[in-house]
């Protein structure tokens, strides 16, 4: 552990300690000698202004003064090697996820991240090519529309825009109270209270045009209501669950599905023959059927019967195309 990480570790130990931390424990945590530890404590106290209190004698121990310790933080940005590795991954995500809204909006931070990483690595070129980011299903997004939409969410202002739904291809003018932005499967959605329809709706941000922030304040919908109507069913489609789907996967597919997160309320169990049974709530069957279809013969919808019949019809129609 180098001095940089020792100082950061020492700060975190003293910050979280309710009682003085004994000298032997500090030496063990920092993997250093007694003399090195005292030098680090002196640097933290004298150079960085940490409010360190000590109990001298044979049983030396250290802690932050109770009141000042709660307010004290290290100046600047201090990160461990592991945290810097995660920051490097984020840097690549920003730079390699295409010319999307994150790349544009976070471009000013990208240069600072690269500078920090370079300094921490003593000027060495880091092997960024070892990290690969592959977007899947990402749709073209108007950065200006995203920024106005995001601004309305954070400023808690009503928003008016033109919207063309993919399901009907109809265009309509909407006035909404934005509730939150949701990033789902590489695309952004706006959860909002639709004033004309007097209901919660989710809008694909890439289908929003001519957004305008209004002077009127947004109506706040309680988070519990948002989750009940927009997050209690499978997928991005809104609505309270109308049923629970039961899907059985072959022993081969089970090796993947058993470790996958499909829904926050999902239930899964292994069958005696090695298959895996997944249960989850749904409201609109469309997205669920599409996700099950990709497993082909390795997946079978067992219940409810209407969902099973719907899948049979889809498979028959698909076969008819061949």
C-alpha atoms as a PDB file:
ATOM      1  CA  UNK A   1       0.000   0.000   0.000  1.00  0.00           C
ATOM      2  CA  UNK A   2       1.509   3.357  -1.035  1.00  0.00           C
ATOM      3  CA  UNK A   3       1.280   6.543   1.010  1.00  0.00           C
ATOM      4  CA  UNK A   4      -1.668   7.854  -0.966  1.00  0.00           C
ATOM      5  CA  UNK A   5      -3.769   4.821  -0.108  1.00  0.00           C
ATOM      6  CA  UNK A   6      -2.523   4.740   3.496  1.00  0.00           C
ATOM      7  CA  UNK A   7      -3.708   8.325   4.068  1.00  0.00           C
ATOM      8  CA  UNK A   8      -7.086   7.553   2.520  1.00  0.00           C
ATOM      9  CA  UNK A   9      -7.475   4.340   4.546  1.00  0.00           C
ATOM     10  CA  UNK A  10      -6.420   6.103   7.756  1.00  0.00           C
ATOM     11  CA  UNK A  11      -8.954   8.860   7.154  1.00  0.00           C
ATOM     12  CA  UNK A  12     -11.767   6.387   6.564  1.00  0.00           C
ATOM     13  CA  UNK A  13     -10.901   4.378   9.665  1.00  0.00           C
ATOM     14  CA  UNK A  14     -10.851   7.418  11.924  1.00  0.00           C
ATOM     15  CA  UNK A  15     -13.962   8.898  10.276  1.00  0.00           C
ATOM     16  CA  UNK A  16     -16.053   5.803  10.930  1.00  0.00           C
ATOM     17  CA  UNK A  17     -14.704   4.997  14.404  1.00  0.00           C
ATOM     18  CA  UNK A  18     -16.926   5.669  17.421  1.00  0.00           C
ATOM     19  CA  UNK A  19     -14.044   5.008  19.828  1.00  0.00           C
ATOM     20  CA  UNK A  20     -10.264   5.598  19.595  1.00  0.00           C
ATOM     21  CA  UNK A  21      -8.619   3.095  17.238  1.00  0.00           C
ATOM     22  CA  UNK A  22      -5.675   1.259  18.857  1.00  0.00           C
ATOM     23  CA  UNK A  23      -2.238   1.698  17.309  1.00  0.00           C
ATOM     24  CA  UNK A  24      -1.753  -2.042  16.535  1.00  0.00           C
ATOM     25  CA  UNK A  25      -4.989  -2.147  14.539  1.00  0.00           C
ATOM     26  CA  UNK A  26      -3.997   0.920  12.525  1.00  0.00           C
ATOM     27  CA  UNK A  27      -0.599  -0.621  11.759  1.00  0.00           C
ATOM     28  CA  UNK A  28      -2.296  -3.813  10.654  1.00  0.00           C
ATOM     29  CA  UNK A  29      -4.886  -2.064   8.478  1.00  0.00           C
ATOM     30  CA  UNK A  30      -2.303   0.182   6.832  1.00  0.00           C
ATOM     31  CA  UNK A  31       0.318  -2.583   6.542  1.00  0.00           C
ATOM     32  CA  UNK A  32       3.079  -0.305   7.811  1.00  0.00           C
ATOM     33  CA  UNK A  33       5.531   0.165  10.676  1.00  0.00           C
ATOM     34  CA  UNK A  34       4.981   2.248  13.802  1.00  0.00           C
ATOM     35  CA  UNK A  35       7.263   5.022  12.522  1.00  0.00           C
ATOM     36  CA  UNK A  36       5.479   5.162   9.146  1.00  0.00           C
ATOM     37  CA  UNK A  37       2.109   5.319  10.858  1.00  0.00           C
ATOM     38  CA  UNK A  38       3.178   8.245  13.035  1.00  0.00           C
ATOM     39  CA  UNK A  39       4.458  10.090   9.939  1.00  0.00           C
ATOM     40  CA  UNK A  40       1.121   9.532   8.191  1.00  0.00           C
ATOM     41  CA  UNK A  41      -0.823  10.708  11.246  1.00  0.00           C
ATOM     42  CA  UNK A  42       1.339  13.845  11.430  1.00  0.00           C
ATOM     43  CA  UNK A  43       0.764  14.553   7.715  1.00  0.00           C
ATOM     44  CA  UNK A  44      -2.990  14.032   8.035  1.00  0.00           C
ATOM     45  CA  UNK A  45      -3.156  16.305  11.089  1.00  0.00           C
ATOM     46  CA  UNK A  46      -0.640  19.048  10.204  1.00  0.00           C
ATOM     47  CA  UNK A  47      -0.786  19.259   6.409  1.00  0.00           C
ATOM     48  CA  UNK A  48      -4.437  18.376   5.804  1.00  0.00           C
ATOM     49  CA  UNK A  49      -5.910  19.799   9.003  1.00  0.00           C
ATOM     50  CA  UNK A  50      -7.544  16.623  10.304  1.00  0.00           C
ATOM     51  CA  UNK A  51      -8.950  17.010  13.879  1.00  0.00           C
ATOM     52  CA  UNK A  52      -7.051  14.004  15.296  1.00  0.00           C
ATOM     53  CA  UNK A  53      -7.135  13.267  19.013  1.00  0.00           C
ATOM     54  CA  UNK A  54      -4.723  10.802  20.591  1.00  0.00           C
ATOM     55  CA  UNK A  55      -4.461   8.840  23.805  1.00  0.00           C
ATOM     56  CA  UNK A  56      -0.760   8.513  24.647  1.00  0.00           C
ATOM     57  CA  UNK A  57       1.085   5.997  26.721  1.00  0.00           C
ATOM     58  CA  UNK A  58       1.527   2.279  26.262  1.00  0.00           C
ATOM     59  CA  UNK A  59      -1.913   1.827  24.709  1.00  0.00           C
ATOM     60  CA  UNK A  60      -1.802   4.566  22.069  1.00  0.00           C
ATOM     61  CA  UNK A  61      -5.038   5.123  20.140  1.00  0.00           C
ATOM     62  CA  UNK A  62      -6.388   7.757  17.755  1.00  0.00           C
ATOM     63  CA  UNK A  63      -9.721   9.148  16.613  1.00  0.00           C
ATOM     64  CA  UNK A  64     -11.308  12.279  15.153  1.00  0.00           C
ATOM     65  CA  UNK A  65     -12.692  14.854  17.558  1.00  0.00           C
ATOM     66  CA  UNK A  66     -16.433  14.184  17.689  1.00  0.00           C
ATOM     67  CA  UNK A  67     -17.851  17.486  16.403  1.00  0.00           C
ATOM     68  CA  UNK A  68     -15.116  18.519  13.952  1.00  0.00           C
ATOM     69  CA  UNK A  69     -14.647  14.960  12.756  1.00  0.00           C
ATOM     70  CA  UNK A  70     -18.169  14.818  11.363  1.00  0.00           C
ATOM     71  CA  UNK A  71     -17.502  17.859   9.180  1.00  0.00           C
ATOM     72  CA  UNK A  72     -13.945  17.111   8.101  1.00  0.00           C
ATOM     73  CA  UNK A  73     -13.245  15.642   4.660  1.00  0.00           C
ATOM     74  CA  UNK A  74     -10.040  15.254   2.728  1.00  0.00           C
ATOM     75  CA  UNK A  75      -9.463  18.123   0.277  1.00  0.00           C
ATOM     76  CA  UNK A  76      -9.806  17.255  -3.398  1.00  0.00           C
ATOM     77  CA  UNK A  77     -10.696  13.838  -4.784  1.00  0.00           C
ATOM     78  CA  UNK A  78      -9.098  10.844  -3.056  1.00  0.00           C
ATOM     79  CA  UNK A  79      -9.601   7.400  -4.562  1.00  0.00           C
ATOM     80  CA  UNK A  80      -8.039   3.981  -4.013  1.00  0.00           C
ATOM     81  CA  UNK A  81      -6.549   1.927  -6.842  1.00  0.00           C
ATOM     82  CA  UNK A  82      -9.721  -0.160  -7.045  1.00  0.00           C
ATOM     83  CA  UNK A  83     -11.878   2.954  -7.208  1.00  0.00           C
ATOM     84  CA  UNK A  84      -9.649   4.397  -9.910  1.00  0.00           C
ATOM     85  CA  UNK A  85     -10.031   1.172 -11.888  1.00  0.00           C
ATOM     86  CA  UNK A  86     -13.806   1.599 -11.671  1.00  0.00           C
ATOM     87  CA  UNK A  87     -13.386   5.233 -12.731  1.00  0.00           C
ATOM     88  CA  UNK A  88     -11.366   4.051 -15.713  1.00  0.00           C
ATOM     89  CA  UNK A  89     -14.244   1.774 -16.705  1.00  0.00           C
ATOM     90  CA  UNK A  90     -16.642   4.726 -16.414  1.00  0.00           C
ATOM     91  CA  UNK A  91     -14.267   6.798 -18.530  1.00  0.00           C
ATOM     92  CA  UNK A  92     -14.415   4.199 -21.271  1.00  0.00           C
ATOM     93  CA  UNK A  93     -18.186   3.925 -20.966  1.00  0.00           C
ATOM     94  CA  UNK A  94     -18.467   7.666 -21.570  1.00  0.00           C
ATOM     95  CA  UNK A  95     -16.021   7.642 -24.464  1.00  0.00           C
ATOM     96  CA  UNK A  96     -17.044   4.472 -26.268  1.00  0.00           C
ATOM     97  CA  UNK A  97     -20.823   4.383 -25.914  1.00  0.00           C
ATOM     98  CA  UNK A  98     -21.212   6.274 -29.181  1.00  0.00           C
ATOM     99  CA  UNK A  99     -22.218   9.904 -29.745  1.00  0.00           C
ATOM    100  CA  UNK A 100     -25.088   9.564 -27.310  1.00  0.00           C
ATOM    101  CA  UNK A 101     -26.306  12.025 -24.750  1.00  0.00           C
ATOM    102  CA  UNK A 102     -23.970  10.813 -21.994  1.00  0.00           C
ATOM    103  CA  UNK A 103     -20.898  11.291 -24.178  1.00  0.00           C
ATOM    104  CA  UNK A 104     -21.957  14.831 -25.016  1.00  0.00           C
ATOM    105  CA  UNK A 105     -23.203  15.919 -21.615  1.00  0.00           C
ATOM    106  CA  UNK A 106     -20.259  14.486 -19.699  1.00  0.00           C
ATOM    107  CA  UNK A 107     -17.521  15.467 -22.165  1.00  0.00           C
ATOM    108  CA  UNK A 108     -16.138  18.210 -19.842  1.00  0.00           C
ATOM    109  CA  UNK A 109     -15.676  15.607 -17.074  1.00  0.00           C
ATOM    110  CA  UNK A 110     -13.996  13.093 -19.368  1.00  0.00           C
ATOM    111  CA  UNK A 111     -10.829  15.186 -19.693  1.00  0.00           C
ATOM    112  CA  UNK A 112     -10.620  15.611 -15.907  1.00  0.00           C
ATOM    113  CA  UNK A 113     -11.050  11.866 -15.376  1.00  0.00           C
ATOM    114  CA  UNK A 114      -8.249  11.136 -17.874  1.00  0.00           C
ATOM    115  CA  UNK A 115      -5.989  13.685 -16.161  1.00  0.00           C
ATOM    116  CA  UNK A 116      -6.652  12.167 -12.738  1.00  0.00           C
ATOM    117  CA  UNK A 117      -5.988   8.656 -14.000  1.00  0.00           C
ATOM    118  CA  UNK A 118      -2.754   9.743 -15.657  1.00  0.00           C
ATOM    119  CA  UNK A 119      -1.533  11.454 -12.476  1.00  0.00           C
ATOM    120  CA  UNK A 120      -2.382   8.449 -10.324  1.00  0.00           C
ATOM    121  CA  UNK A 121      -0.537   6.129 -12.707  1.00  0.00           C
ATOM    122  CA  UNK A 122       2.613   8.309 -12.544  1.00  0.00           C
ATOM    123  CA  UNK A 123       2.190   9.429 -16.121  1.00  0.00           C
ATOM    124  CA  UNK A 124       2.040   5.935 -17.598  1.00  0.00           C
ATOM    125  CA  UNK A 125      -0.338   5.292 -20.458  1.00  0.00           C
ATOM    126  CA  UNK A 126      -3.158   3.138 -19.141  1.00  0.00           C
ATOM    127  CA  UNK A 127      -4.346   0.183 -21.269  1.00  0.00           C
ATOM    128  CA  UNK A 128      -7.822   1.555 -21.934  1.00  0.00           C
ATOM    129  CA  UNK A 129      -8.188  -0.757 -24.919  1.00  0.00           C
ATOM    130  CA  UNK A 130      -8.604  -3.580 -22.389  1.00  0.00           C
ATOM    131  CA  UNK A 131     -12.112  -2.303 -21.634  1.00  0.00           C
ATOM    132  CA  UNK A 132     -14.765  -2.748 -24.309  1.00  0.00           C
ATOM    133  CA  UNK A 133     -18.283  -1.278 -24.221  1.00  0.00           C
ATOM    134  CA  UNK A 134     -20.846  -2.593 -26.720  1.00  0.00           C
ATOM    135  CA  UNK A 135     -24.216  -0.786 -26.731  1.00  0.00           C
ATOM    136  CA  UNK A 136     -27.211  -2.905 -27.713  1.00  0.00           C
ATOM    137  CA  UNK A 137     -30.538  -1.575 -28.918  1.00  0.00           C
ATOM    138  CA  UNK A 138     -29.568   2.041 -28.311  1.00  0.00           C
ATOM    139  CA  UNK A 139     -31.797   4.417 -30.286  1.00  0.00           C
ATOM    140  CA  UNK A 140     -30.817   7.798 -31.702  1.00  0.00           C
ATOM    141  CA  UNK A 141     -31.440  10.516 -29.123  1.00  0.00           C
ATOM    142  CA  UNK A 142     -31.686  14.288 -29.569  1.00  0.00           C
ATOM    143  CA  UNK A 143     -29.272  15.694 -26.978  1.00  0.00           C
ATOM    144  CA  UNK A 144     -31.093  19.028 -26.739  1.00  0.00           C
ATOM    145  CA  UNK A 145     -34.421  17.291 -26.107  1.00  0.00           C
ATOM    146  CA  UNK A 146     -32.792  15.120 -23.443  1.00  0.00           C
ATOM    147  CA  UNK A 147     -31.259  18.107 -21.659  1.00  0.00           C
ATOM    148  CA  UNK A 148     -34.524  20.062 -21.608  1.00  0.00           C
ATOM    149  CA  UNK A 149     -36.372  16.990 -20.358  1.00  0.00           C
ATOM    150  CA  UNK A 150     -33.763  16.268 -17.681  1.00  0.00           C
ATOM    151  CA  UNK A 151     -33.772  19.922 -16.657  1.00  0.00           C
ATOM    152  CA  UNK A 152     -37.546  19.881 -16.185  1.00  0.00           C
ATOM    153  CA  UNK A 153     -37.260  16.746 -14.022  1.00  0.00           C
ATOM    154  CA  UNK A 154     -34.627  18.293 -11.755  1.00  0.00           C
ATOM    155  CA  UNK A 155     -36.141  21.808 -11.682  1.00  0.00           C
ATOM    156  CA  UNK A 156     -39.595  20.318 -10.911  1.00  0.00           C
ATOM    157  CA  UNK A 157     -41.281  22.260 -13.747  1.00  0.00           C
ATOM    158  CA  UNK A 158     -44.054  21.156 -16.086  1.00  0.00           C
ATOM    159  CA  UNK A 159     -43.074  20.149 -19.607  1.00  0.00           C
ATOM    160  CA  UNK A 160     -44.891  20.408 -22.943  1.00  0.00           C
ATOM    161  CA  UNK A 161     -43.796  18.430 -26.000  1.00  0.00           C
ATOM    162  CA  UNK A 162     -44.847  16.739 -29.204  1.00  0.00           C
ATOM    163  CA  UNK A 163     -44.962  12.952 -28.924  1.00  0.00           C
ATOM    164  CA  UNK A 164     -45.270  10.242 -31.567  1.00  0.00           C
ATOM    165  CA  UNK A 165     -45.951   6.859 -29.995  1.00  0.00           C
ATOM    166  CA  UNK A 166     -44.357   3.873 -31.692  1.00  0.00           C
ATOM    167  CA  UNK A 167     -47.319   1.599 -30.968  1.00  0.00           C
ATOM    168  CA  UNK A 168     -49.849   3.736 -32.897  1.00  0.00           C
ATOM    169  CA  UNK A 169     -47.560   6.167 -34.798  1.00  0.00           C
ATOM    170  CA  UNK A 170     -50.040   8.894 -33.789  1.00  0.00           C
ATOM    171  CA  UNK A 171     -48.737  12.339 -32.910  1.00  0.00           C
ATOM    172  CA  UNK A 172     -50.074  14.306 -29.951  1.00  0.00           C
ATOM    173  CA  UNK A 173     -49.197  17.363 -27.893  1.00  0.00           C
ATOM    174  CA  UNK A 174     -48.630  16.491 -24.208  1.00  0.00           C
ATOM    175  CA  UNK A 175     -48.405  18.596 -21.073  1.00  0.00           C
ATOM    176  CA  UNK A 176     -46.898  16.659 -18.192  1.00  0.00           C
ATOM    177  CA  UNK A 177     -45.436  16.922 -14.723  1.00  0.00           C
ATOM    178  CA  UNK A 178     -42.087  15.071 -14.998  1.00  0.00           C
ATOM    179  CA  UNK A 179     -41.442  12.631 -12.171  1.00  0.00           C
ATOM    180  CA  UNK A 180     -38.180  10.867 -13.023  1.00  0.00           C
ATOM    181  CA  UNK A 181     -35.897   9.718 -15.835  1.00  0.00           C
ATOM    182  CA  UNK A 182     -35.435   5.973 -16.278  1.00  0.00           C
ATOM    183  CA  UNK A 183     -32.539   4.383 -18.163  1.00  0.00           C
ATOM    184  CA  UNK A 184     -33.741   1.007 -19.411  1.00  0.00           C
ATOM    185  CA  UNK A 185     -31.982  -1.285 -21.874  1.00  0.00           C
ATOM    186  CA  UNK A 186     -29.671   1.445 -23.212  1.00  0.00           C
ATOM    187  CA  UNK A 187     -32.526   3.930 -23.733  1.00  0.00           C
ATOM    188  CA  UNK A 188     -34.091   6.753 -21.729  1.00  0.00           C
ATOM    189  CA  UNK A 189     -37.733   7.056 -20.639  1.00  0.00           C
ATOM    190  CA  UNK A 190     -39.603   9.861 -18.900  1.00  0.00           C
ATOM    191  CA  UNK A 191     -42.040   8.867 -16.156  1.00  0.00           C
ATOM    192  CA  UNK A 192     -44.582  11.666 -15.873  1.00  0.00           C
ATOM    193  CA  UNK A 193     -48.076  12.674 -14.795  1.00  0.00           C
ATOM    194  CA  UNK A 194     -50.036  13.353 -17.998  1.00  0.00           C
ATOM    195  CA  UNK A 195     -52.340  16.313 -17.259  1.00  0.00           C
ATOM    196  CA  UNK A 196     -54.652  15.702 -20.226  1.00  0.00           C
ATOM    197  CA  UNK A 197     -55.198  12.024 -19.433  1.00  0.00           C
ATOM    198  CA  UNK A 198     -54.913  12.480 -15.666  1.00  0.00           C
ATOM    199  CA  UNK A 199     -52.728   9.390 -15.328  1.00  0.00           C
ATOM    200  CA  UNK A 200     -49.115   8.317 -15.016  1.00  0.00           C
ATOM    201  CA  UNK A 201     -47.383   7.550 -18.296  1.00  0.00           C
ATOM    202  CA  UNK A 202     -43.912   6.576 -19.541  1.00  0.00           C
ATOM    203  CA  UNK A 203     -42.573   8.334 -22.638  1.00  0.00           C
ATOM    204  CA  UNK A 204     -39.586   7.262 -24.732  1.00  0.00           C
ATOM    205  CA  UNK A 205     -37.342  10.342 -24.702  1.00  0.00           C
ATOM    206  CA  UNK A 206     -36.160   9.605 -28.256  1.00  0.00           C
ATOM    207  CA  UNK A 207     -39.791  10.146 -29.403  1.00  0.00           C
ATOM    208  CA  UNK A 208     -40.097  13.548 -27.685  1.00  0.00           C
ATOM    209  CA  UNK A 209     -39.905  16.581 -29.996  1.00  0.00           C
ATOM    210  CA  UNK A 210     -40.096  20.344 -29.434  1.00  0.00           C
ATOM    211  CA  UNK A 211     -39.899  20.136 -25.617  1.00  0.00           C
ATOM    212  CA  UNK A 212     -40.657  23.340 -23.709  1.00  0.00           C
ATOM    213  CA  UNK A 213     -40.225  23.919 -19.999  1.00  0.00           C
ATOM    214  CA  UNK A 214     -43.212  25.755 -18.538  1.00  0.00           C
ATOM    215  CA  UNK A 215     -43.335  28.218 -15.650  1.00  0.00           C
ATOM    216  CA  UNK A 216     -45.829  26.087 -13.733  1.00  0.00           C
ATOM    217  CA  UNK A 217     -44.413  23.810 -11.092  1.00  0.00           C
ATOM    218  CA  UNK A 218     -44.628  20.050 -11.535  1.00  0.00           C
ATOM    219  CA  UNK A 219     -47.108  18.033  -9.503  1.00  0.00           C
ATOM    220  CA  UNK A 220     -45.229  15.533  -7.344  1.00  0.00           C
ATOM    221  CA  UNK A 221     -46.547  11.969  -7.312  1.00  0.00           C
ATOM    222  CA  UNK A 222     -45.521   9.972  -4.197  1.00  0.00           C
ATOM    223  CA  UNK A 223     -42.705   7.525  -4.910  1.00  0.00           C
ATOM    224  CA  UNK A 224     -44.771   4.587  -3.668  1.00  0.00           C
ATOM    225  CA  UNK A 225     -47.459   5.401  -6.248  1.00  0.00           C
ATOM    226  CA  UNK A 226     -44.832   5.704  -8.979  1.00  0.00           C
ATOM    227  CA  UNK A 227     -43.386   2.305  -8.150  1.00  0.00           C
ATOM    228  CA  UNK A 228     -46.794   0.675  -7.841  1.00  0.00           C
ATOM    229  CA  UNK A 229     -47.950   1.851 -11.261  1.00  0.00           C
ATOM    230  CA  UNK A 230     -44.688   2.002 -13.212  1.00  0.00           C
ATOM    231  CA  UNK A 231     -42.351  -0.539 -11.628  1.00  0.00           C
ATOM    232  CA  UNK A 232     -44.525  -3.300 -10.196  1.00  0.00           C
ATOM    233  CA  UNK A 233     -45.019  -5.077 -13.541  1.00  0.00           C
ATOM    234  CA  UNK A 234     -42.479  -6.616 -15.874  1.00  0.00           C
ATOM    235  CA  UNK A 235     -40.676  -4.332 -18.316  1.00  0.00           C
ATOM    236  CA  UNK A 236     -41.139  -0.694 -19.151  1.00  0.00           C
ATOM    237  CA  UNK A 237     -44.904  -0.818 -19.713  1.00  0.00           C
ATOM    238  CA  UNK A 238     -46.979   0.849 -17.001  1.00  0.00           C
ATOM    239  CA  UNK A 239     -49.814  -0.650 -15.028  1.00  0.00           C
ATOM    240  CA  UNK A 240     -50.505  -2.736 -11.976  1.00  0.00           C
ATOM    241  CA  UNK A 241     -49.811  -6.464 -12.442  1.00  0.00           C
ATOM    242  CA  UNK A 242     -52.767  -8.372 -13.831  1.00  0.00           C
ATOM    243  CA  UNK A 243     -51.231 -11.811 -13.375  1.00  0.00           C
ATOM    244  CA  UNK A 244     -48.080 -13.779 -12.568  1.00  0.00           C
ATOM    245  CA  UNK A 245     -46.269 -15.548 -15.383  1.00  0.00           C
ATOM    246  CA  UNK A 246     -44.638 -18.931 -14.825  1.00  0.00           C
ATOM    247  CA  UNK A 247     -41.851 -19.816 -17.274  1.00  0.00           C
ATOM    248  CA  UNK A 248     -39.801 -22.998 -17.309  1.00  0.00           C
ATOM    249  CA  UNK A 249     -36.344 -23.042 -18.847  1.00  0.00           C
ATOM    250  CA  UNK A 250     -34.352 -26.049 -19.981  1.00  0.00           C
ATOM    251  CA  UNK A 251     -31.382 -27.243 -17.932  1.00  0.00           C
ATOM    252  CA  UNK A 252     -29.123 -25.638 -20.544  1.00  0.00           C
ATOM    253  CA  UNK A 253     -30.787 -22.196 -20.441  1.00  0.00           C
ATOM    254  CA  UNK A 254     -31.138 -22.399 -16.661  1.00  0.00           C
ATOM    255  CA  UNK A 255     -27.409 -21.806 -16.263  1.00  0.00           C
ATOM    256  CA  UNK A 256     -28.000 -18.245 -17.504  1.00  0.00           C
ATOM    257  CA  UNK A 257     -31.542 -17.483 -16.373  1.00  0.00           C
ATOM    258  CA  UNK A 258     -31.012 -18.524 -12.753  1.00  0.00           C
ATOM    259  CA  UNK A 259     -28.472 -15.709 -12.352  1.00  0.00           C
ATOM    260  CA  UNK A 260     -30.428 -13.057 -14.272  1.00  0.00           C
ATOM    261  CA  UNK A 261     -32.508 -10.242 -12.792  1.00  0.00           C
ATOM    262  CA  UNK A 262     -35.835 -10.029 -14.611  1.00  0.00           C
ATOM    263  CA  UNK A 263     -37.937  -8.261 -11.974  1.00  0.00           C
ATOM    264  CA  UNK A 264     -37.558  -7.053  -8.388  1.00  0.00           C
ATOM    265  CA  UNK A 265     -40.326  -9.431  -7.208  1.00  0.00           C
ATOM    266  CA  UNK A 266     -39.314 -12.470  -9.245  1.00  0.00           C
ATOM    267  CA  UNK A 267     -39.356 -15.955  -7.725  1.00  0.00           C
ATOM    268  CA  UNK A 268     -37.183 -18.759  -8.992  1.00  0.00           C
ATOM    269  CA  UNK A 269     -36.669 -22.389  -8.088  1.00  0.00           C
ATOM    270  CA  UNK A 270     -34.838 -25.369  -9.494  1.00  0.00           C
ATOM    271  CA  UNK A 271     -36.855 -28.377 -10.636  1.00  0.00           C
ATOM    272  CA  UNK A 272     -35.698 -31.949  -9.910  1.00  0.00           C
ATOM    273  CA  UNK A 273     -34.800 -32.568 -13.566  1.00  0.00           C
ATOM    274  CA  UNK A 274     -32.416 -29.578 -13.694  1.00  0.00           C
ATOM    275  CA  UNK A 275     -34.824 -27.107 -15.275  1.00  0.00           C
ATOM    276  CA  UNK A 276     -35.425 -23.680 -13.752  1.00  0.00           C
ATOM    277  CA  UNK A 277     -38.855 -22.183 -13.096  1.00  0.00           C
ATOM    278  CA  UNK A 278     -39.215 -18.397 -13.037  1.00  0.00           C
ATOM    279  CA  UNK A 279     -42.282 -16.523 -11.783  1.00  0.00           C
ATOM    280  CA  UNK A 280     -42.859 -12.778 -12.153  1.00  0.00           C
ATOM    281  CA  UNK A 281     -45.727 -10.247 -12.301  1.00  0.00           C
ATOM    282  CA  UNK A 282     -46.737  -8.607 -15.580  1.00  0.00           C
ATOM    283  CA  UNK A 283     -49.313  -6.194 -16.914  1.00  0.00           C
ATOM    284  CA  UNK A 284     -48.624  -5.873 -20.636  1.00  0.00           C
ATOM    285  CA  UNK A 285     -47.543  -9.198 -22.145  1.00  0.00           C
ATOM    286  CA  UNK A 286     -45.768  -7.773 -25.202  1.00  0.00           C
ATOM    287  CA  UNK A 287     -42.288  -7.260 -23.772  1.00  0.00           C
ATOM    288  CA  UNK A 288     -42.370 -10.419 -21.684  1.00  0.00           C
ATOM    289  CA  UNK A 289     -43.263 -12.547 -24.722  1.00  0.00           C
ATOM    290  CA  UNK A 290     -40.415 -11.009 -26.731  1.00  0.00           C
ATOM    291  CA  UNK A 291     -37.905 -11.810 -23.996  1.00  0.00           C
ATOM    292  CA  UNK A 292     -39.105 -15.399 -23.663  1.00  0.00           C
ATOM    293  CA  UNK A 293     -39.072 -15.890 -27.441  1.00  0.00           C
ATOM    294  CA  UNK A 294     -35.323 -15.310 -27.627  1.00  0.00           C
ATOM    295  CA  UNK A 295     -34.796 -18.576 -25.722  1.00  0.00           C
ATOM    296  CA  UNK A 296     -36.644 -20.514 -28.423  1.00  0.00           C
ATOM    297  CA  UNK A 297     -37.173 -24.194 -27.522  1.00  0.00           C
ATOM    298  CA  UNK A 298     -35.365 -23.690 -24.191  1.00  0.00           C
ATOM    299  CA  UNK A 299     -38.325 -21.802 -22.683  1.00  0.00           C
ATOM    300  CA  UNK A 300     -41.967 -22.700 -22.085  1.00  0.00           C
ATOM    301  CA  UNK A 301     -44.707 -20.489 -20.660  1.00  0.00           C
ATOM    302  CA  UNK A 302     -46.668 -22.673 -18.238  1.00  0.00           C
ATOM    303  CA  UNK A 303     -49.146 -20.178 -16.797  1.00  0.00           C
ATOM    304  CA  UNK A 304     -51.423 -18.360 -16.974  1.00  0.00           C
ATOM    305  CA  UNK A 305     -53.305 -20.025 -19.804  1.00  0.00           C
ATOM    306  CA  UNK A 306     -54.095 -16.791 -21.747  1.00  0.00           C
ATOM    307  CA  UNK A 307     -50.389 -15.904 -21.841  1.00  0.00           C
ATOM    308  CA  UNK A 308     -49.515 -19.442 -22.950  1.00  0.00           C
ATOM    309  CA  UNK A 309     -52.106 -19.252 -25.754  1.00  0.00           C
ATOM    310  CA  UNK A 310     -50.794 -15.842 -26.802  1.00  0.00           C
ATOM    311  CA  UNK A 311     -47.319 -17.318 -27.150  1.00  0.00           C
ATOM    312  CA  UNK A 312     -48.683 -20.228 -29.211  1.00  0.00           C
ATOM    313  CA  UNK A 313     -50.336 -17.781 -31.624  1.00  0.00           C
ATOM    314  CA  UNK A 314     -47.112 -15.788 -31.995  1.00  0.00           C
ATOM    315  CA  UNK A 315     -45.136 -18.947 -32.754  1.00  0.00           C
ATOM    316  CA  UNK A 316     -47.719 -20.082 -35.306  1.00  0.00           C
ATOM    317  CA  UNK A 317     -47.662 -16.701 -37.035  1.00  0.00           C
ATOM    318  CA  UNK A 318     -43.864 -16.725 -37.074  1.00  0.00           C
ATOM    319  CA  UNK A 319     -43.835 -20.221 -38.563  1.00  0.00           C
ATOM    320  CA  UNK A 320     -46.338 -19.111 -41.199  1.00  0.00           C
ATOM    321  CA  UNK A 321     -43.828 -16.564 -42.417  1.00  0.00           C
ATOM    322  CA  UNK A 322     -41.479 -19.382 -43.386  1.00  0.00           C
END
